């Protein structure tokens, strides 16, 4: 089950201390200073003291959310290397028992924002590549790739196809001219028109 909870901070009632949701473990940011660190100045904040607007570059340091909400802990160099608390995800599709769930691995680059500028409400809103990190691709190819598997949608005019493959060499190719399956160990099945081939030998099926 994928569940995401959005919370909002309301001004503290008289005599009561404001609650610090999600990120109570992040160093307190006041007047542009992170936990007394002068490296974070008011130039990194908005005119409203202690508010942080815009996007910040960050690097994922932890992606195993104990609450299973898709949150990340991120190191933000522009804020004197302060590590956020659990940053909520901003995803294109989510709901009860539905959604797009794809967490970047540790060490990945992500964009970090803060809800209403509040440093206790971090959000990770997407990822980006450094130079040399992006897989070699053509614009006509759309790829979803992890460390162990990949799905490629090939929209090139001369050959539209879908390719599923694993790092172990297992590969399935579905194209306009047939289907090919290989197990990465020498075994293969090919369907081309009315012909079926197993390990390169054509079978005549009646």
C-alpha atoms as a PDB file:
ATOM      1  CA  UNK A   1       0.000   0.000   0.000  1.00  0.00           C
ATOM      2  CA  UNK A   2       1.327   3.423  -0.946  1.00  0.00           C
ATOM      3  CA  UNK A   3       0.193   6.204   1.338  1.00  0.00           C
ATOM      4  CA  UNK A   4       1.364   9.785   1.424  1.00  0.00           C
ATOM      5  CA  UNK A   5       0.335  12.231   4.151  1.00  0.00           C
ATOM      6  CA  UNK A   6       0.453  15.998   3.685  1.00  0.00           C
ATOM      7  CA  UNK A   7       0.658  18.065   6.841  1.00  0.00           C
ATOM      8  CA  UNK A   8       0.527  21.807   7.437  1.00  0.00           C
ATOM      9  CA  UNK A   9       1.888  23.812  10.336  1.00  0.00           C
ATOM     10  CA  UNK A  10      -0.492  26.200  12.034  1.00  0.00           C
ATOM     11  CA  UNK A  11       0.636  29.013  14.336  1.00  0.00           C
ATOM     12  CA  UNK A  12       1.081  27.814  17.886  1.00  0.00           C
ATOM     13  CA  UNK A  13      -1.671  28.650  20.293  1.00  0.00           C
ATOM     14  CA  UNK A  14      -0.823  31.112  23.045  1.00  0.00           C
ATOM     15  CA  UNK A  15       1.519  29.548  25.527  1.00  0.00           C
ATOM     16  CA  UNK A  16       2.024  26.414  23.441  1.00  0.00           C
ATOM     17  CA  UNK A  17       5.068  25.408  21.398  1.00  0.00           C
ATOM     18  CA  UNK A  18       4.570  24.842  17.640  1.00  0.00           C
ATOM     19  CA  UNK A  19       4.800  21.234  16.521  1.00  0.00           C
ATOM     20  CA  UNK A  20       7.683  20.246  14.219  1.00  0.00           C
ATOM     21  CA  UNK A  21       6.323  17.527  11.907  1.00  0.00           C
ATOM     22  CA  UNK A  22       8.388  15.069   9.852  1.00  0.00           C
ATOM     23  CA  UNK A  23      11.740  16.735  10.332  1.00  0.00           C
ATOM     24  CA  UNK A  24      12.234  17.158  14.052  1.00  0.00           C
ATOM     25  CA  UNK A  25      15.703  15.683  13.579  1.00  0.00           C
ATOM     26  CA  UNK A  26      16.917  18.475  11.265  1.00  0.00           C
ATOM     27  CA  UNK A  27      19.052  21.227  12.856  1.00  0.00           C
ATOM     28  CA  UNK A  28      16.953  24.288  13.618  1.00  0.00           C
ATOM     29  CA  UNK A  29      17.290  27.034  10.998  1.00  0.00           C
ATOM     30  CA  UNK A  30      16.892  30.556  12.361  1.00  0.00           C
ATOM     31  CA  UNK A  31      17.694  33.879  10.729  1.00  0.00           C
ATOM     32  CA  UNK A  32      19.500  32.115   7.914  1.00  0.00           C
ATOM     33  CA  UNK A  33      21.795  30.179  10.243  1.00  0.00           C
ATOM     34  CA  UNK A  34      21.717  26.372  10.476  1.00  0.00           C
ATOM     35  CA  UNK A  35      22.287  25.319  14.067  1.00  0.00           C
ATOM     36  CA  UNK A  36      24.543  28.327  14.594  1.00  0.00           C
ATOM     37  CA  UNK A  37      26.615  27.629  11.464  1.00  0.00           C
ATOM     38  CA  UNK A  38      27.595  31.023   9.971  1.00  0.00           C
ATOM     39  CA  UNK A  39      28.203  29.386   6.568  1.00  0.00           C
ATOM     40  CA  UNK A  40      24.447  29.571   5.973  1.00  0.00           C
ATOM     41  CA  UNK A  41      23.659  33.260   5.694  1.00  0.00           C
ATOM     42  CA  UNK A  42      20.499  35.236   5.122  1.00  0.00           C
ATOM     43  CA  UNK A  43      21.406  35.347   1.425  1.00  0.00           C
ATOM     44  CA  UNK A  44      20.213  31.721   1.189  1.00  0.00           C
ATOM     45  CA  UNK A  45      16.804  32.572   2.621  1.00  0.00           C
ATOM     46  CA  UNK A  46      13.872  34.701   1.588  1.00  0.00           C
ATOM     47  CA  UNK A  47      13.326  38.171   3.081  1.00  0.00           C
ATOM     48  CA  UNK A  48      11.123  36.437   5.633  1.00  0.00           C
ATOM     49  CA  UNK A  49      13.707  35.347   8.197  1.00  0.00           C
ATOM     50  CA  UNK A  50      14.263  31.604   8.270  1.00  0.00           C
ATOM     51  CA  UNK A  51      12.181  30.852   5.145  1.00  0.00           C
ATOM     52  CA  UNK A  52      13.694  28.813   2.307  1.00  0.00           C
ATOM     53  CA  UNK A  53      12.083  29.068  -1.121  1.00  0.00           C
ATOM     54  CA  UNK A  54      13.112  27.696  -4.497  1.00  0.00           C
ATOM     55  CA  UNK A  55      14.920  24.470  -5.358  1.00  0.00           C
ATOM     56  CA  UNK A  56      18.134  23.231  -3.780  1.00  0.00           C
ATOM     57  CA  UNK A  57      20.484  20.568  -5.120  1.00  0.00           C
ATOM     58  CA  UNK A  58      20.815  17.600  -2.819  1.00  0.00           C
ATOM     59  CA  UNK A  59      22.210  14.091  -2.609  1.00  0.00           C
ATOM     60  CA  UNK A  60      20.272  11.135  -1.197  1.00  0.00           C
ATOM     61  CA  UNK A  61      21.813   9.726   1.970  1.00  0.00           C
ATOM     62  CA  UNK A  62      18.960   7.419   3.030  1.00  0.00           C
ATOM     63  CA  UNK A  63      15.965   6.005   1.143  1.00  0.00           C
ATOM     64  CA  UNK A  64      14.578   3.361   3.505  1.00  0.00           C
ATOM     65  CA  UNK A  65      11.650   5.210   5.007  1.00  0.00           C
ATOM     66  CA  UNK A  66      10.586   3.478   8.264  1.00  0.00           C
ATOM     67  CA  UNK A  67       7.000   4.605   7.625  1.00  0.00           C
ATOM     68  CA  UNK A  68       6.953   3.401   3.999  1.00  0.00           C
ATOM     69  CA  UNK A  69       5.856   6.785   2.640  1.00  0.00           C
ATOM     70  CA  UNK A  70       8.499   7.211  -0.063  1.00  0.00           C
ATOM     71  CA  UNK A  71      10.440   9.814   1.931  1.00  0.00           C
ATOM     72  CA  UNK A  72      14.178  10.483   1.603  1.00  0.00           C
ATOM     73  CA  UNK A  73      16.904  11.983   3.736  1.00  0.00           C
ATOM     74  CA  UNK A  74      18.991  14.352   1.649  1.00  0.00           C
ATOM     75  CA  UNK A  75      22.261  16.243   2.119  1.00  0.00           C
ATOM     76  CA  UNK A  76      21.966  19.840   0.864  1.00  0.00           C
ATOM     77  CA  UNK A  77      25.389  21.407   0.124  1.00  0.00           C
ATOM     78  CA  UNK A  78      23.978  24.940  -0.333  1.00  0.00           C
ATOM     79  CA  UNK A  79      22.741  24.866   3.262  1.00  0.00           C
ATOM     80  CA  UNK A  80      26.194  24.175   4.712  1.00  0.00           C
ATOM     81  CA  UNK A  81      25.789  20.467   4.050  1.00  0.00           C
ATOM     82  CA  UNK A  82      22.796  20.212   6.367  1.00  0.00           C
ATOM     83  CA  UNK A  83      21.011  16.869   6.144  1.00  0.00           C
ATOM     84  CA  UNK A  84      17.239  17.195   5.920  1.00  0.00           C
ATOM     85  CA  UNK A  85      14.852  15.193   8.005  1.00  0.00           C
ATOM     86  CA  UNK A  86      12.553  12.844   6.088  1.00  0.00           C
ATOM     87  CA  UNK A  87      11.594  14.741   2.922  1.00  0.00           C
ATOM     88  CA  UNK A  88       8.124  14.033   1.540  1.00  0.00           C
ATOM     89  CA  UNK A  89       7.885  13.006  -2.135  1.00  0.00           C
ATOM     90  CA  UNK A  90       6.224  15.049  -4.862  1.00  0.00           C
ATOM     91  CA  UNK A  91       5.016  12.503  -7.411  1.00  0.00           C
ATOM     92  CA  UNK A  92       2.848  12.794 -10.565  1.00  0.00           C
ATOM     93  CA  UNK A  93       0.390  10.105  -9.503  1.00  0.00           C
ATOM     94  CA  UNK A  94      -0.673   8.837  -6.073  1.00  0.00           C
ATOM     95  CA  UNK A  95      -3.742   7.572  -4.253  1.00  0.00           C
ATOM     96  CA  UNK A  96      -4.995   4.799  -1.992  1.00  0.00           C
ATOM     97  CA  UNK A  97      -3.337   1.579  -3.202  1.00  0.00           C
ATOM     98  CA  UNK A  98      -2.271   3.236  -6.477  1.00  0.00           C
ATOM     99  CA  UNK A  99       0.616   5.397  -7.578  1.00  0.00           C
ATOM    100  CA  UNK A 100       3.989   5.757  -9.241  1.00  0.00           C
ATOM    101  CA  UNK A 101       6.535   4.474  -6.737  1.00  0.00           C
ATOM    102  CA  UNK A 102      10.191   4.830  -7.790  1.00  0.00           C
ATOM    103  CA  UNK A 103      12.774   5.864  -5.203  1.00  0.00           C
ATOM    104  CA  UNK A 104      16.252   7.022  -6.276  1.00  0.00           C
ATOM    105  CA  UNK A 105      19.150   5.039  -4.777  1.00  0.00           C
ATOM    106  CA  UNK A 106      21.496   6.554  -2.196  1.00  0.00           C
ATOM    107  CA  UNK A 107      24.027   8.843  -3.807  1.00  0.00           C
ATOM    108  CA  UNK A 108      21.528  10.088  -6.405  1.00  0.00           C
ATOM    109  CA  UNK A 109      21.023  13.783  -7.087  1.00  0.00           C
ATOM    110  CA  UNK A 110      17.607  15.189  -6.180  1.00  0.00           C
ATOM    111  CA  UNK A 111      15.923  18.570  -6.031  1.00  0.00           C
ATOM    112  CA  UNK A 112      14.851  19.686  -2.565  1.00  0.00           C
ATOM    113  CA  UNK A 113      12.204  22.270  -1.670  1.00  0.00           C
ATOM    114  CA  UNK A 114      10.518  23.313   1.558  1.00  0.00           C
ATOM    115  CA  UNK A 115       6.749  23.532   1.934  1.00  0.00           C
ATOM    116  CA  UNK A 116       5.800  27.208   2.404  1.00  0.00           C
ATOM    117  CA  UNK A 117       9.520  27.855   2.925  1.00  0.00           C
ATOM    118  CA  UNK A 118       9.466  25.946   6.219  1.00  0.00           C
ATOM    119  CA  UNK A 119      12.718  23.965   6.769  1.00  0.00           C
ATOM    120  CA  UNK A 120      10.796  21.465   8.884  1.00  0.00           C
ATOM    121  CA  UNK A 121       8.733  20.515   5.818  1.00  0.00           C
ATOM    122  CA  UNK A 122      11.293  19.284   3.264  1.00  0.00           C
ATOM    123  CA  UNK A 123      10.109  17.899  -0.088  1.00  0.00           C
ATOM    124  CA  UNK A 124      12.051  16.025  -2.738  1.00  0.00           C
ATOM    125  CA  UNK A 125      10.527  16.996  -6.058  1.00  0.00           C
ATOM    126  CA  UNK A 126      12.588  15.207  -8.686  1.00  0.00           C
ATOM    127  CA  UNK A 127      16.015  14.012  -9.740  1.00  0.00           C
ATOM    128  CA  UNK A 128      18.778  15.167 -12.068  1.00  0.00           C
ATOM    129  CA  UNK A 129      21.968  13.804 -13.619  1.00  0.00           C
ATOM    130  CA  UNK A 130      25.488  15.119 -13.318  1.00  0.00           C
ATOM    131  CA  UNK A 131      27.582  15.221 -16.481  1.00  0.00           C
ATOM    132  CA  UNK A 132      28.404  11.705 -17.651  1.00  0.00           C
ATOM    133  CA  UNK A 133      25.772   9.982 -15.502  1.00  0.00           C
ATOM    134  CA  UNK A 134      22.915   9.759 -17.996  1.00  0.00           C
ATOM    135  CA  UNK A 135      22.677   6.507 -20.031  1.00  0.00           C
ATOM    136  CA  UNK A 136      23.574   6.832 -23.717  1.00  0.00           C
ATOM    137  CA  UNK A 137      20.236   7.228 -25.455  1.00  0.00           C
ATOM    138  CA  UNK A 138      18.565   8.590 -28.551  1.00  0.00           C
ATOM    139  CA  UNK A 139      15.679  11.063 -28.121  1.00  0.00           C
ATOM    140  CA  UNK A 140      13.316   8.538 -29.723  1.00  0.00           C
ATOM    141  CA  UNK A 141      13.980   6.010 -26.966  1.00  0.00           C
ATOM    142  CA  UNK A 142      12.282   6.188 -23.574  1.00  0.00           C
ATOM    143  CA  UNK A 143      13.929   4.130 -20.839  1.00  0.00           C
ATOM    144  CA  UNK A 144      13.136   3.170 -17.273  1.00  0.00           C
ATOM    145  CA  UNK A 145      16.351   1.689 -15.888  1.00  0.00           C
ATOM    146  CA  UNK A 146      17.445   0.396 -12.490  1.00  0.00           C
ATOM    147  CA  UNK A 147      20.694  -1.291 -11.473  1.00  0.00           C
ATOM    148  CA  UNK A 148      19.318  -4.746 -12.387  1.00  0.00           C
ATOM    149  CA  UNK A 149      16.689  -4.236 -15.100  1.00  0.00           C
ATOM    150  CA  UNK A 150      15.551  -1.926 -17.888  1.00  0.00           C
ATOM    151  CA  UNK A 151      12.451  -1.279 -20.005  1.00  0.00           C
ATOM    152  CA  UNK A 152      13.042   0.507 -23.320  1.00  0.00           C
ATOM    153  CA  UNK A 153      10.331   1.958 -25.560  1.00  0.00           C
ATOM    154  CA  UNK A 154      11.804   2.456 -29.026  1.00  0.00           C
ATOM    155  CA  UNK A 155       9.885   4.963 -31.142  1.00  0.00           C
ATOM    156  CA  UNK A 156      12.346   5.181 -34.034  1.00  0.00           C
ATOM    157  CA  UNK A 157      10.421   5.370 -37.344  1.00  0.00           C
ATOM    158  CA  UNK A 158      12.063   2.306 -38.873  1.00  0.00           C
ATOM    159  CA  UNK A 159      11.638   0.013 -35.880  1.00  0.00           C
ATOM    160  CA  UNK A 160       9.114   0.442 -33.077  1.00  0.00           C
ATOM    161  CA  UNK A 161       9.624  -2.027 -30.239  1.00  0.00           C
ATOM    162  CA  UNK A 162       9.530  -2.701 -26.519  1.00  0.00           C
ATOM    163  CA  UNK A 163      12.593  -4.271 -24.883  1.00  0.00           C
ATOM    164  CA  UNK A 164      12.677  -5.811 -21.406  1.00  0.00           C
ATOM    165  CA  UNK A 165      16.075  -6.938 -20.142  1.00  0.00           C
ATOM    166  CA  UNK A 166      17.913  -7.783 -16.945  1.00  0.00           C
ATOM    167  CA  UNK A 167      21.551  -7.468 -15.956  1.00  0.00           C
ATOM    168  CA  UNK A 168      21.778 -11.284 -16.130  1.00  0.00           C
ATOM    169  CA  UNK A 169      21.176 -11.224 -19.881  1.00  0.00           C
ATOM    170  CA  UNK A 170      17.510 -12.233 -19.932  1.00  0.00           C
ATOM    171  CA  UNK A 171      15.871 -10.295 -22.762  1.00  0.00           C
ATOM    172  CA  UNK A 172      12.416  -9.996 -24.355  1.00  0.00           C
ATOM    173  CA  UNK A 173      11.948  -7.948 -27.521  1.00  0.00           C
ATOM    174  CA  UNK A 174       8.432  -7.185 -28.796  1.00  0.00           C
ATOM    175  CA  UNK A 175       8.403  -5.520 -32.194  1.00  0.00           C
ATOM    176  CA  UNK A 176       6.382  -5.096 -35.364  1.00  0.00           C
ATOM    177  CA  UNK A 177       8.252  -7.983 -36.998  1.00  0.00           C
ATOM    178  CA  UNK A 178       7.942 -10.514 -34.171  1.00  0.00           C
ATOM    179  CA  UNK A 179       8.873 -11.496 -30.630  1.00  0.00           C
ATOM    180  CA  UNK A 180      12.247 -12.694 -29.369  1.00  0.00           C
ATOM    181  CA  UNK A 181      12.981 -14.281 -25.987  1.00  0.00           C
ATOM    182  CA  UNK A 182      16.413 -15.247 -24.672  1.00  0.00           C
ATOM    183  CA  UNK A 183      17.426 -16.487 -21.242  1.00  0.00           C
ATOM    184  CA  UNK A 184      20.992 -15.184 -21.293  1.00  0.00           C
ATOM    185  CA  UNK A 185      22.362 -18.725 -21.205  1.00  0.00           C
ATOM    186  CA  UNK A 186      22.080 -19.663 -24.874  1.00  0.00           C
ATOM    187  CA  UNK A 187      18.382 -20.542 -24.949  1.00  0.00           C
ATOM    188  CA  UNK A 188      16.096 -18.552 -27.227  1.00  0.00           C
ATOM    189  CA  UNK A 189      12.649 -18.549 -28.793  1.00  0.00           C
ATOM    190  CA  UNK A 190      11.692 -16.421 -31.789  1.00  0.00           C
ATOM    191  CA  UNK A 191       8.242 -15.801 -33.273  1.00  0.00           C
ATOM    192  CA  UNK A 192       8.388 -14.295 -36.751  1.00  0.00           C
ATOM    193  CA  UNK A 193       5.149 -14.261 -38.716  1.00  0.00           C
ATOM    194  CA  UNK A 194       3.986 -17.901 -38.808  1.00  0.00           C
ATOM    195  CA  UNK A 195       7.422 -19.253 -37.947  1.00  0.00           C
ATOM    196  CA  UNK A 196       8.580 -20.328 -34.495  1.00  0.00           C
ATOM    197  CA  UNK A 197      12.276 -20.905 -33.855  1.00  0.00           C
ATOM    198  CA  UNK A 198      13.788 -22.527 -30.788  1.00  0.00           C
ATOM    199  CA  UNK A 199      17.532 -22.084 -30.310  1.00  0.00           C
ATOM    200  CA  UNK A 200      17.803 -21.090 -33.962  1.00  0.00           C
ATOM    201  CA  UNK A 201      15.914 -24.102 -35.375  1.00  0.00           C
ATOM    202  CA  UNK A 202      12.605 -23.455 -37.132  1.00  0.00           C
ATOM    203  CA  UNK A 203       9.680 -25.572 -35.971  1.00  0.00           C
ATOM    204  CA  UNK A 204       6.848 -26.417 -38.347  1.00  0.00           C
ATOM    205  CA  UNK A 205       3.653 -26.272 -36.340  1.00  0.00           C
ATOM    206  CA  UNK A 206       0.482 -27.647 -37.930  1.00  0.00           C
END
